[in-house]
C-alpha atoms as a PDB file:
ATOM      1  CA  MET A   1     -16.169 -16.739 -17.511  1.00  0.00           C
ATOM      2  CA  ASN A   2     -15.485 -13.310 -18.998  1.00  0.00           C
ATOM      3  CA  ILE A   3     -12.182 -11.446 -19.271  1.00  0.00           C
ATOM      4  CA  ASN A   4     -12.686  -9.637 -15.937  1.00  0.00           C
ATOM      5  CA  ASP A   5     -13.370 -12.969 -14.201  1.00  0.00           C
ATOM      6  CA  ASP A   6     -10.210 -14.462 -15.732  1.00  0.00           C
ATOM      7  CA  GLU A   7      -8.166 -11.446 -14.619  1.00  0.00           C
ATOM      8  CA  SER A   8      -9.662 -11.570 -11.116  1.00  0.00           C
ATOM      9  CA  PHE A   9      -8.906 -15.297 -10.896  1.00  0.00           C
ATOM     10  CA  GLU A  10      -5.282 -14.731 -11.959  1.00  0.00           C
ATOM     11  CA  ASN A  11      -4.922 -11.864  -9.449  1.00  0.00           C
ATOM     12  CA  ASP A  12      -6.304 -14.091  -6.679  1.00  0.00           C
ATOM     13  CA  LYS A  13      -3.830 -16.851  -7.603  1.00  0.00           C
ATOM     14  CA  LEU A  14      -0.956 -14.384  -7.595  1.00  0.00           C
ATOM     15  CA  MET A  15      -1.988 -12.918  -4.219  1.00  0.00           C
ATOM     16  CA  SER A  16      -2.227 -16.429  -2.755  1.00  0.00           C
ATOM     17  CA  TYR A  17       1.234 -17.207  -4.122  1.00  0.00           C
ATOM     18  CA  TYR A  18       2.693 -14.016  -2.594  1.00  0.00           C
ATOM     19  CA  ILE A  19       1.066 -14.814   0.760  1.00  0.00           C
ATOM     20  CA  GLU A  20       2.424 -18.376   0.662  1.00  0.00           C
ATOM     21  CA  LEU A  21       5.953 -17.028   0.039  1.00  0.00           C
ATOM     22  CA  GLY A  22       5.570 -14.441   2.811  1.00  0.00           C
ATOM     23  CA  VAL A  23       6.022 -11.579   0.351  1.00  0.00           C
ATOM     24  CA  ILE A  24       2.726 -10.063   1.483  1.00  0.00           C
ATOM     25  CA  SER A  25       0.731 -10.515   4.666  1.00  0.00           C
ATOM     26  CA  LEU A  26      -2.911  -9.886   5.376  1.00  0.00           C
ATOM     27  CA  GLU A  27      -2.990  -7.310   8.167  1.00  0.00           C
ATOM     28  CA  GLY A  28      -6.708  -6.679   8.608  1.00  0.00           C
ATOM     29  CA  LEU A  29      -9.624  -4.674   7.323  1.00  0.00           C
ATOM     30  CA  ASP A  30      -9.952  -0.933   7.048  1.00  0.00           C
ATOM     31  CA  GLU A  31     -12.980   1.114   8.076  1.00  0.00           C
ATOM     32  CA  LYS A  32     -14.633   0.354   4.718  1.00  0.00           C
ATOM     33  CA  GLY A  33     -14.111  -3.405   5.068  1.00  0.00           C
ATOM     34  CA  GLU A  34     -11.342  -3.574   2.452  1.00  0.00           C
ATOM     35  CA  LEU A  35      -8.403  -5.912   3.010  1.00  0.00           C
ATOM     36  CA  ILE A  36      -5.117  -4.389   4.138  1.00  0.00           C
ATOM     37  CA  TYR A  37      -1.855  -6.055   3.143  1.00  0.00           C
ATOM     38  CA  SER A  38       1.745  -5.334   4.063  1.00  0.00           C
ATOM     39  CA  ILE A  39       4.777  -6.053   1.904  1.00  0.00           C
ATOM     40  CA  ASN A  40       7.914  -7.722   3.239  1.00  0.00           C
ATOM     41  CA  GLU A  41      10.427  -5.693   1.234  1.00  0.00           C
ATOM     42  CA  GLU A  42      13.301  -8.145   1.714  1.00  0.00           C
ATOM     43  CA  LEU A  43      11.282 -11.106   0.411  1.00  0.00           C
ATOM     44  CA  ALA A  44       9.696  -8.987  -2.315  1.00  0.00           C
ATOM     45  CA  GLN A  45      13.141  -8.005  -3.604  1.00  0.00           C
ATOM     46  CA  GLU A  46      14.029 -11.676  -3.888  1.00  0.00           C
ATOM     47  CA  TYR A  47      10.770 -13.290  -5.051  1.00  0.00           C
ATOM     48  CA  ALA A  48       8.589 -10.509  -6.459  1.00  0.00           C
ATOM     49  CA  PRO A  49      10.694  -7.554  -7.613  1.00  0.00           C
ATOM     50  CA  GLU A  50       7.937  -6.551 -10.040  1.00  0.00           C
ATOM     51  CA  LEU A  51       5.500  -6.217  -7.130  1.00  0.00           C
ATOM     52  CA  LEU A  52       7.934  -4.103  -5.128  1.00  0.00           C
ATOM     53  CA  GLN A  53       8.678  -1.882  -8.128  1.00  0.00           C
ATOM     54  CA  SER A  54       4.970  -1.441  -8.866  1.00  0.00           C
ATOM     55  CA  HIS A  55       4.316  -0.546  -5.213  1.00  0.00           C
ATOM     56  CA  GLN A  56       7.172   1.973  -5.129  1.00  0.00           C
ATOM     57  CA  GLU A  57       5.932   3.576  -8.362  1.00  0.00           C
ATOM     58  CA  TYR A  58       2.426   3.831  -6.884  1.00  0.00           C
ATOM     59  CA  VAL A  59       3.751   5.506  -3.714  1.00  0.00           C
ATOM     60  CA  ASP A  60       5.932   7.930  -5.703  1.00  0.00           C
ATOM     61  CA  ARG A  61       3.091   8.803  -8.101  1.00  0.00           C
ATOM     62  CA  SER A  62       0.619   9.275  -5.234  1.00  0.00           C
ATOM     63  CA  LEU A  63       2.973  11.545  -3.269  1.00  0.00           C
ATOM     64  CA  LEU A  64       3.630  13.623  -6.372  1.00  0.00           C
ATOM     65  CA  GLU A  65      -0.111  14.009  -6.982  1.00  0.00           C
ATOM     66  CA  LEU A  66      -0.677  15.084  -3.369  1.00  0.00           C
ATOM     67  CA  TYR A  67       2.212  17.545  -3.636  1.00  0.00           C
ATOM     68  CA  GLN A  68       0.888  18.980  -6.898  1.00  0.00           C
ATOM     69  CA  ALA A  69      -2.548  19.371  -5.309  1.00  0.00           C
ATOM     70  CA  GLY A  70      -0.961  21.366  -2.475  1.00  0.00           C
ATOM     71  CA  LEU A  71      -1.943  18.799   0.156  1.00  0.00           C
ATOM     72  CA  ILE A  72       1.595  17.990   1.283  1.00  0.00           C
ATOM     73  CA  ASN A  73       4.893  19.853   1.520  1.00  0.00           C
ATOM     74  CA  ILE A  74       8.303  18.245   1.365  1.00  0.00           C
ATOM     75  CA  GLU A  75      11.366  19.658   3.117  1.00  0.00           C
ATOM     76  CA  TYR A  76      14.916  18.371   2.725  1.00  0.00           C
ATOM     77  CA  ASN A  77      17.659  18.644   5.330  1.00  0.00           C
ATOM     78  CA  GLU A  78      21.370  19.104   4.610  1.00  0.00           C
ATOM     79  CA  ASN A  79      21.694  15.319   4.021  1.00  0.00           C
ATOM     80  CA  LEU A  80      18.853  15.451   1.470  1.00  0.00           C
ATOM     81  CA  GLU A  81      16.600  13.422   3.758  1.00  0.00           C
ATOM     82  CA  ALA A  82      12.972  14.264   3.087  1.00  0.00           C
ATOM     83  CA  THR A  83      10.387  15.214   5.668  1.00  0.00           C
ATOM     84  CA  ILE A  84       6.770  15.286   4.526  1.00  0.00           C
ATOM     85  CA  HIS A  85       4.311  17.712   6.117  1.00  0.00           C
ATOM     86  CA  MET A  86       0.617  17.106   5.483  1.00  0.00           C
ATOM     87  CA  SER A  87      -2.436  19.258   5.821  1.00  0.00           C
ATOM     88  CA  PRO A  88      -5.443  17.548   7.415  1.00  0.00           C
ATOM     89  CA  MET A  89      -6.865  17.003   3.914  1.00  0.00           C
ATOM     90  CA  GLY A  90      -3.495  15.676   2.761  1.00  0.00           C
ATOM     91  CA  TYR A  91      -3.405  13.223   5.664  1.00  0.00           C
ATOM     92  CA  LYS A  92      -6.896  11.998   4.815  1.00  0.00           C
ATOM     93  CA  ALA A  93      -6.024  11.600   1.119  1.00  0.00           C
ATOM     94  CA  ALA A  94      -2.750   9.807   1.936  1.00  0.00           C
ATOM     95  CA  LYS A  95      -4.543   7.451   4.312  1.00  0.00           C
ATOM     96  CA  GLU A  96      -7.196   6.671   1.682  1.00  0.00           C
ATOM     97  CA  ARG A  97      -4.410   5.786  -0.766  1.00  0.00           C
ATOM     98  CA  GLY A  98      -2.729   3.498   1.750  1.00  0.00           C
ATOM     99  CA  LEU A  99       0.303   5.747   2.179  1.00  0.00           C
ATOM    100  CA  ILE A 100      -0.123   6.165   5.936  1.00  0.00           C
ATOM    101  CA  ASP A 101       0.661   3.334   8.326  1.00  0.00           C
ATOM    102  CA  ILE A 102      -2.593   2.237   9.857  1.00  0.00           C
ATOM    103  CA  ASP A 103      -2.829   1.560  13.583  1.00  0.00           C
ATOM    104  CA  PRO A 104      -3.377  -2.209  13.923  1.00  0.00           C
ATOM    105  CA  GLU A 105      -5.625  -1.512  16.924  1.00  0.00           C
ATOM    106  CA  SER A 106      -8.119   0.082  14.529  1.00  0.00           C
ATOM    107  CA  PHE A 107      -8.461  -3.122  12.453  1.00  0.00           C
ATOM    108  CA  LYS A 108     -11.618  -5.125  12.645  1.00  0.00           C
ATOM    109  CA  ASN A 109     -11.254  -8.796  13.514  1.00  0.00           C
ATOM    110  CA  ILE A 110     -10.888 -11.088  10.536  1.00  0.00           C
ATOM    111  CA  PRO A 111     -12.750 -14.375  10.901  1.00  0.00           C
ATOM    112  CA  ASN A 112     -10.414 -17.352  10.958  1.00  0.00           C
ATOM    113  CA  ASN A 113     -12.560 -19.572   8.741  1.00  0.00           C
END
């Protein structure tokens, strides 16, 4: 086993652990056949705060990159609540990064075996 195999094995164990705790759930497959997971924020705060923090940092970093590329605009109201407006290219890029909620009806069936 090489280092990448060891790392992959540890990641698989950690994902299985998070699934067992209910911190993450397998939701389906995207159009490319990649697995889609959701995070239960309440359970993640309790059992996997490092996962939740890492996810939030990823979302923040991704939105900043899309903003800097001119693919999204952010407006704030008087209560400083943000509204994000996306160009069609921005929507596509956000979806590819997993920032857009995916319609569960578009998932492919996952075999139960």
